[in-house]
């Protein structure tokens, strides 16, 4: 356990940030799962709406360094490809 006051504060801040990041990642994963279910059901309206929401959250996570930019690009690309497969 830290003895210095500033170290104790940093521990609290790290816990808070970890919880916040975990919440954001969980929200993104949930959106992706819902998107996959909509694609599976071939529901174009729901899938496109979920794609917009998930893509926005992914880019926000990338901007805040919660997720790596390559992972965000890969995930968005896969989702766009799945969405386009419904249209075809």
C-alpha atoms as a PDB file:
ATOM      1  CA  UNK A   1       0.000   0.000   0.000  1.00  0.00           C
ATOM      2  CA  UNK A   2       1.197   3.466  -0.846  1.00  0.00           C
ATOM      3  CA  UNK A   3       2.284   5.800   1.946  1.00  0.00           C
ATOM      4  CA  UNK A   4       2.577   9.048  -0.005  1.00  0.00           C
ATOM      5  CA  UNK A   5      -0.614  11.081  -0.299  1.00  0.00           C
ATOM      6  CA  UNK A   6      -0.267  11.668  -4.046  1.00  0.00           C
ATOM      7  CA  UNK A   7       0.319   7.936  -4.601  1.00  0.00           C
ATOM      8  CA  UNK A   8      -2.885   7.128  -2.741  1.00  0.00           C
ATOM      9  CA  UNK A   9      -4.750   9.611  -4.945  1.00  0.00           C
ATOM     10  CA  UNK A  10      -3.288   8.055  -8.111  1.00  0.00           C
ATOM     11  CA  UNK A  11      -4.482   4.611  -6.968  1.00  0.00           C
ATOM     12  CA  UNK A  12      -8.022   5.965  -6.558  1.00  0.00           C
ATOM     13  CA  UNK A  13      -7.872   7.682  -9.956  1.00  0.00           C
ATOM     14  CA  UNK A  14      -6.598   4.489 -11.612  1.00  0.00           C
ATOM     15  CA  UNK A  15      -9.477   2.481 -10.113  1.00  0.00           C
ATOM     16  CA  UNK A  16     -12.008   5.060 -11.297  1.00  0.00           C
ATOM     17  CA  UNK A  17     -10.555   5.160 -14.811  1.00  0.00           C
ATOM     18  CA  UNK A  18     -10.388   1.363 -14.997  1.00  0.00           C
ATOM     19  CA  UNK A  19     -14.056   1.104 -14.077  1.00  0.00           C
ATOM     20  CA  UNK A  20     -14.986   3.768 -16.641  1.00  0.00           C
ATOM     21  CA  UNK A  21     -12.970   2.086 -19.411  1.00  0.00           C
ATOM     22  CA  UNK A  22     -14.407  -1.324 -18.544  1.00  0.00           C
ATOM     23  CA  UNK A  23     -17.923   0.098 -18.768  1.00  0.00           C
ATOM     24  CA  UNK A  24     -17.234   1.627 -22.196  1.00  0.00           C
ATOM     25  CA  UNK A  25     -15.706  -1.595 -23.524  1.00  0.00           C
ATOM     26  CA  UNK A  26     -18.659  -3.582 -22.218  1.00  0.00           C
ATOM     27  CA  UNK A  27     -21.112  -1.233 -23.939  1.00  0.00           C
ATOM     28  CA  UNK A  28     -19.252  -1.643 -27.238  1.00  0.00           C
ATOM     29  CA  UNK A  29     -19.230  -5.436 -26.940  1.00  0.00           C
ATOM     30  CA  UNK A  30     -22.970  -5.433 -26.245  1.00  0.00           C
ATOM     31  CA  UNK A  31     -23.652  -3.258 -29.290  1.00  0.00           C
ATOM     32  CA  UNK A  32     -21.560  -5.565 -31.476  1.00  0.00           C
ATOM     33  CA  UNK A  33     -23.422  -8.638 -30.214  1.00  0.00           C
ATOM     34  CA  UNK A  34     -26.773  -6.966 -30.934  1.00  0.00           C
ATOM     35  CA  UNK A  35     -25.502  -5.994 -34.389  1.00  0.00           C
ATOM     36  CA  UNK A  36     -24.429  -9.574 -35.097  1.00  0.00           C
ATOM     37  CA  UNK A  37     -27.864 -10.827 -34.030  1.00  0.00           C
ATOM     38  CA  UNK A  38     -29.562  -8.316 -36.363  1.00  0.00           C
ATOM     39  CA  UNK A  39     -27.309  -9.382 -39.249  1.00  0.00           C
ATOM     40  CA  UNK A  40     -28.107 -13.023 -38.521  1.00  0.00           C
ATOM     41  CA  UNK A  41     -31.834 -12.191 -38.641  1.00  0.00           C
ATOM     42  CA  UNK A  42     -31.241 -10.128 -41.827  1.00  0.00           C
ATOM     43  CA  UNK A  43     -32.891  -7.101 -40.221  1.00  0.00           C
ATOM     44  CA  UNK A  44     -31.381  -4.276 -42.280  1.00  0.00           C
ATOM     45  CA  UNK A  45     -32.941  -1.353 -40.379  1.00  0.00           C
ATOM     46  CA  UNK A  46     -31.869  -2.576 -36.949  1.00  0.00           C
ATOM     47  CA  UNK A  47     -28.425  -3.616 -38.192  1.00  0.00           C
ATOM     48  CA  UNK A  48     -27.705  -0.255 -39.821  1.00  0.00           C
ATOM     49  CA  UNK A  49     -28.863   1.616 -36.712  1.00  0.00           C
ATOM     50  CA  UNK A  50     -26.709  -0.559 -34.448  1.00  0.00           C
ATOM     51  CA  UNK A  51     -23.769  -0.197 -36.831  1.00  0.00           C
ATOM     52  CA  UNK A  52     -23.927   3.604 -36.547  1.00  0.00           C
ATOM     53  CA  UNK A  53     -24.069   3.451 -32.747  1.00  0.00           C
ATOM     54  CA  UNK A  54     -21.287   0.879 -32.433  1.00  0.00           C
ATOM     55  CA  UNK A  55     -19.037   2.663 -34.928  1.00  0.00           C
ATOM     56  CA  UNK A  56     -19.454   5.951 -33.067  1.00  0.00           C
ATOM     57  CA  UNK A  57     -18.620   4.334 -29.716  1.00  0.00           C
ATOM     58  CA  UNK A  58     -15.618   2.529 -31.222  1.00  0.00           C
ATOM     59  CA  UNK A  59     -14.213   5.785 -32.573  1.00  0.00           C
ATOM     60  CA  UNK A  60     -14.787   7.518 -29.239  1.00  0.00           C
ATOM     61  CA  UNK A  61     -12.926   4.693 -27.476  1.00  0.00           C
ATOM     62  CA  UNK A  62     -10.091   5.038 -29.978  1.00  0.00           C
ATOM     63  CA  UNK A  63      -9.882   8.783 -29.380  1.00  0.00           C
ATOM     64  CA  UNK A  64      -9.663   8.257 -25.623  1.00  0.00           C
ATOM     65  CA  UNK A  65      -7.034   5.495 -25.967  1.00  0.00           C
ATOM     66  CA  UNK A  66      -9.355   2.852 -24.544  1.00  0.00           C
ATOM     67  CA  UNK A  67      -9.006   0.662 -27.631  1.00  0.00           C
ATOM     68  CA  UNK A  68      -6.184   0.412 -30.147  1.00  0.00           C
ATOM     69  CA  UNK A  69      -6.771   2.134 -33.476  1.00  0.00           C
ATOM     70  CA  UNK A  70      -6.082  -1.011 -35.505  1.00  0.00           C
ATOM     71  CA  UNK A  71      -8.612  -3.013 -33.496  1.00  0.00           C
ATOM     72  CA  UNK A  72     -11.205  -0.289 -34.027  1.00  0.00           C
ATOM     73  CA  UNK A  73     -10.505  -0.219 -37.777  1.00  0.00           C
ATOM     74  CA  UNK A  74     -10.648  -4.015 -38.015  1.00  0.00           C
ATOM     75  CA  UNK A  75     -13.910  -4.247 -36.066  1.00  0.00           C
ATOM     76  CA  UNK A  76     -15.579  -1.442 -38.037  1.00  0.00           C
ATOM     77  CA  UNK A  77     -14.478  -3.013 -41.306  1.00  0.00           C
ATOM     78  CA  UNK A  78     -15.877  -6.417 -40.366  1.00  0.00           C
ATOM     79  CA  UNK A  79     -19.161  -4.876 -39.296  1.00  0.00           C
ATOM     80  CA  UNK A  80     -19.442  -2.854 -42.520  1.00  0.00           C
ATOM     81  CA  UNK A  81     -18.733  -5.974 -44.560  1.00  0.00           C
ATOM     82  CA  UNK A  82     -21.455  -7.876 -42.669  1.00  0.00           C
ATOM     83  CA  UNK A  83     -23.898  -5.007 -43.168  1.00  0.00           C
ATOM     84  CA  UNK A  84     -23.175  -4.899 -46.893  1.00  0.00           C
ATOM     85  CA  UNK A  85     -23.734  -8.655 -47.151  1.00  0.00           C
ATOM     86  CA  UNK A  86     -27.371  -8.087 -46.082  1.00  0.00           C
ATOM     87  CA  UNK A  87     -27.869  -5.544 -48.870  1.00  0.00           C
ATOM     88  CA  UNK A  88     -26.538  -7.891 -51.545  1.00  0.00           C
END
